[in-house]
Amino acid sequence: MCGVCSDDFQTGELLRRLPCRHAFHATCIDPWLTKKCARCPLCRTNCTPSRLKSPGFPLGKPRAIVSPSHSIDERGYSPESTRNMSAII
């Protein structure tokens, strides 16, 4: 579920994962970070551009796509990401 709009993630939607590993709809989190607050809406991790490690974030293309083979729990985590911190959902 997206922590900004509270909608569940659907297959094929573009997501953005923050450095804290929380995932959101890219269309929800990008305006949040650029116009409202430069912190994760769930855990308040600083997401200012100087703190982000992903190239082009937050203005780059969303890197993750939800697919039937990858699940995301209610906190925005995929089981794979908790095992391998470099995994992308």
C-alpha atoms as a PDB file:
ATOM      1  CA  MET A   1       0.000   0.000   0.000  1.00  0.00           C
ATOM      2  CA  CYS A   2       1.236   3.467  -0.870  1.00  0.00           C
ATOM      3  CA  GLY A   3       1.850   5.544   2.254  1.00  0.00           C
ATOM      4  CA  VAL A   4       0.840   8.742   0.459  1.00  0.00           C
ATOM      5  CA  CYS A   5      -2.468   7.837  -1.223  1.00  0.00           C
ATOM      6  CA  SER A   6      -3.267   4.660   0.794  1.00  0.00           C
ATOM      7  CA  ASP A   7      -4.078   2.690  -2.377  1.00  0.00           C
ATOM      8  CA  ASP A   8      -2.779  -0.845  -2.801  1.00  0.00           C
ATOM      9  CA  PHE A   9      -0.033  -1.416  -5.351  1.00  0.00           C
ATOM     10  CA  GLN A  10      -1.294  -3.024  -8.549  1.00  0.00           C
ATOM     11  CA  THR A  11       0.551  -5.124 -11.107  1.00  0.00           C
ATOM     12  CA  GLY A  12       2.391  -2.944 -13.598  1.00  0.00           C
ATOM     13  CA  GLU A  13       2.421   0.256 -11.519  1.00  0.00           C
ATOM     14  CA  LEU A  14       5.607   2.282 -11.379  1.00  0.00           C
ATOM     15  CA  LEU A  15       7.014   2.618  -7.892  1.00  0.00           C
ATOM     16  CA  ARG A  16       9.840   4.540  -6.298  1.00  0.00           C
ATOM     17  CA  ARG A  17      11.859   3.099  -3.426  1.00  0.00           C
ATOM     18  CA  LEU A  18      13.447   5.554  -0.998  1.00  0.00           C
ATOM     19  CA  PRO A  19      16.805   5.005   0.736  1.00  0.00           C
ATOM     20  CA  CYS A  20      14.891   3.749   3.793  1.00  0.00           C
ATOM     21  CA  ARG A  21      13.538   0.956   1.539  1.00  0.00           C
ATOM     22  CA  HIS A  22       9.894   2.137   1.662  1.00  0.00           C
ATOM     23  CA  ALA A  23       8.138   1.993  -1.725  1.00  0.00           C
ATOM     24  CA  PHE A  24       5.478   4.389  -3.031  1.00  0.00           C
ATOM     25  CA  HIS A  25       3.708   5.148  -6.290  1.00  0.00           C
ATOM     26  CA  ALA A  26       6.149   7.381  -8.160  1.00  0.00           C
ATOM     27  CA  THR A  27       3.307   9.771  -9.008  1.00  0.00           C
ATOM     28  CA  CYS A  28       2.526  10.128  -5.293  1.00  0.00           C
ATOM     29  CA  ILE A  29       5.972  10.338  -3.710  1.00  0.00           C
ATOM     30  CA  ASP A  30       7.687  12.614  -6.254  1.00  0.00           C
ATOM     31  CA  PRO A  31       5.415  15.623  -5.534  1.00  0.00           C
ATOM     32  CA  TRP A  32       5.568  14.807  -1.804  1.00  0.00           C
ATOM     33  CA  LEU A  33       9.367  14.977  -1.801  1.00  0.00           C
ATOM     34  CA  THR A  34       9.718  17.983  -4.089  1.00  0.00           C
ATOM     35  CA  LYS A  35       6.836  20.189  -2.920  1.00  0.00           C
ATOM     36  CA  LYS A  36       5.732  19.084   0.527  1.00  0.00           C
ATOM     37  CA  CYS A  37       8.494  17.478   2.572  1.00  0.00           C
ATOM     38  CA  ALA A  38      11.860  15.928   1.684  1.00  0.00           C
ATOM     39  CA  ARG A  39      11.365  13.085   4.175  1.00  0.00           C
ATOM     40  CA  CYS A  40       9.819   9.629   3.906  1.00  0.00           C
ATOM     41  CA  PRO A  41       6.155   9.933   4.928  1.00  0.00           C
ATOM     42  CA  LEU A  42       6.388   6.674   6.902  1.00  0.00           C
ATOM     43  CA  CYS A  43       9.659   6.833   8.826  1.00  0.00           C
ATOM     44  CA  ARG A  44      10.778  10.466   8.275  1.00  0.00           C
ATOM     45  CA  THR A  45      14.161   9.479   6.780  1.00  0.00           C
ATOM     46  CA  ASN A  46      15.836  12.477   5.144  1.00  0.00           C
ATOM     47  CA  CYS A  47      15.440  12.176   1.364  1.00  0.00           C
ATOM     48  CA  THR A  48      17.003  15.447   0.220  1.00  0.00           C
ATOM     49  CA  PRO A  49      18.905  15.045  -3.064  1.00  0.00           C
ATOM     50  CA  SER A  50      22.287  15.137  -1.310  1.00  0.00           C
ATOM     51  CA  ARG A  51      21.206  12.183   0.868  1.00  0.00           C
ATOM     52  CA  LEU A  52      19.926  10.040  -2.009  1.00  0.00           C
ATOM     53  CA  LYS A  53      22.178   7.408  -3.501  1.00  0.00           C
ATOM     54  CA  SER A  54      20.021   6.422  -6.489  1.00  0.00           C
ATOM     55  CA  PRO A  55      21.149   8.247  -9.659  1.00  0.00           C
ATOM     56  CA  GLY A  56      18.616  10.778 -10.845  1.00  0.00           C
ATOM     57  CA  PHE A  57      16.364  10.494  -7.815  1.00  0.00           C
ATOM     58  CA  PRO A  58      13.771  11.948  -7.366  1.00  0.00           C
ATOM     59  CA  LEU A  59      13.590  13.326 -10.903  1.00  0.00           C
ATOM     60  CA  GLY A  60      14.769  10.172 -12.663  1.00  0.00           C
ATOM     61  CA  LYS A  61      12.512   7.450 -13.963  1.00  0.00           C
ATOM     62  CA  PRO A  62      10.926   5.190 -11.354  1.00  0.00           C
ATOM     63  CA  ARG A  63      13.030   2.046 -11.110  1.00  0.00           C
ATOM     64  CA  ALA A  64      10.573  -0.520  -9.848  1.00  0.00           C
ATOM     65  CA  ILE A  65       7.544  -2.209 -11.312  1.00  0.00           C
ATOM     66  CA  VAL A  66       5.177  -4.335  -9.280  1.00  0.00           C
ATOM     67  CA  SER A  67       4.776  -7.724 -10.880  1.00  0.00           C
ATOM     68  CA  PRO A  68       2.973 -10.894  -9.823  1.00  0.00           C
ATOM     69  CA  SER A  69       6.318 -12.498  -8.969  1.00  0.00           C
ATOM     70  CA  HIS A  70       7.203  -9.783  -6.430  1.00  0.00           C
ATOM     71  CA  SER A  71       5.060  -8.908  -3.455  1.00  0.00           C
ATOM     72  CA  ILE A  72       5.057  -5.837  -1.233  1.00  0.00           C
ATOM     73  CA  ASP A  73       3.767  -5.837   2.317  1.00  0.00           C
ATOM     74  CA  GLU A  74       1.746  -3.086   4.004  1.00  0.00           C
ATOM     75  CA  ARG A  75       4.943  -1.269   5.058  1.00  0.00           C
ATOM     76  CA  GLY A  76       6.145  -0.960   1.447  1.00  0.00           C
ATOM     77  CA  TYR A  77       8.755  -3.718   1.755  1.00  0.00           C
ATOM     78  CA  SER A  78       9.197  -6.683  -0.526  1.00  0.00           C
ATOM     79  CA  PRO A  79      10.397  -9.952   1.052  1.00  0.00           C
ATOM     80  CA  GLU A  80      13.345  -9.923  -1.340  1.00  0.00           C
ATOM     81  CA  SER A  81      14.494  -6.480  -0.196  1.00  0.00           C
ATOM     82  CA  THR A  82      14.779  -7.541   3.414  1.00  0.00           C
ATOM     83  CA  ARG A  83      17.116 -10.376   2.427  1.00  0.00           C
ATOM     84  CA  ASN A  84      19.198  -8.498  -0.106  1.00  0.00           C
ATOM     85  CA  MET A  85      19.348  -4.762   0.406  1.00  0.00           C
ATOM     86  CA  SER A  86      20.309  -4.194  -3.241  1.00  0.00           C
ATOM     87  CA  ALA A  87      17.199  -5.956  -4.574  1.00  0.00           C
ATOM     88  CA  ILE A  88      14.684  -3.944  -6.570  1.00  0.00           C
ATOM     89  CA  ILE A  89      11.025  -4.866  -6.486  1.00  0.00           C
END
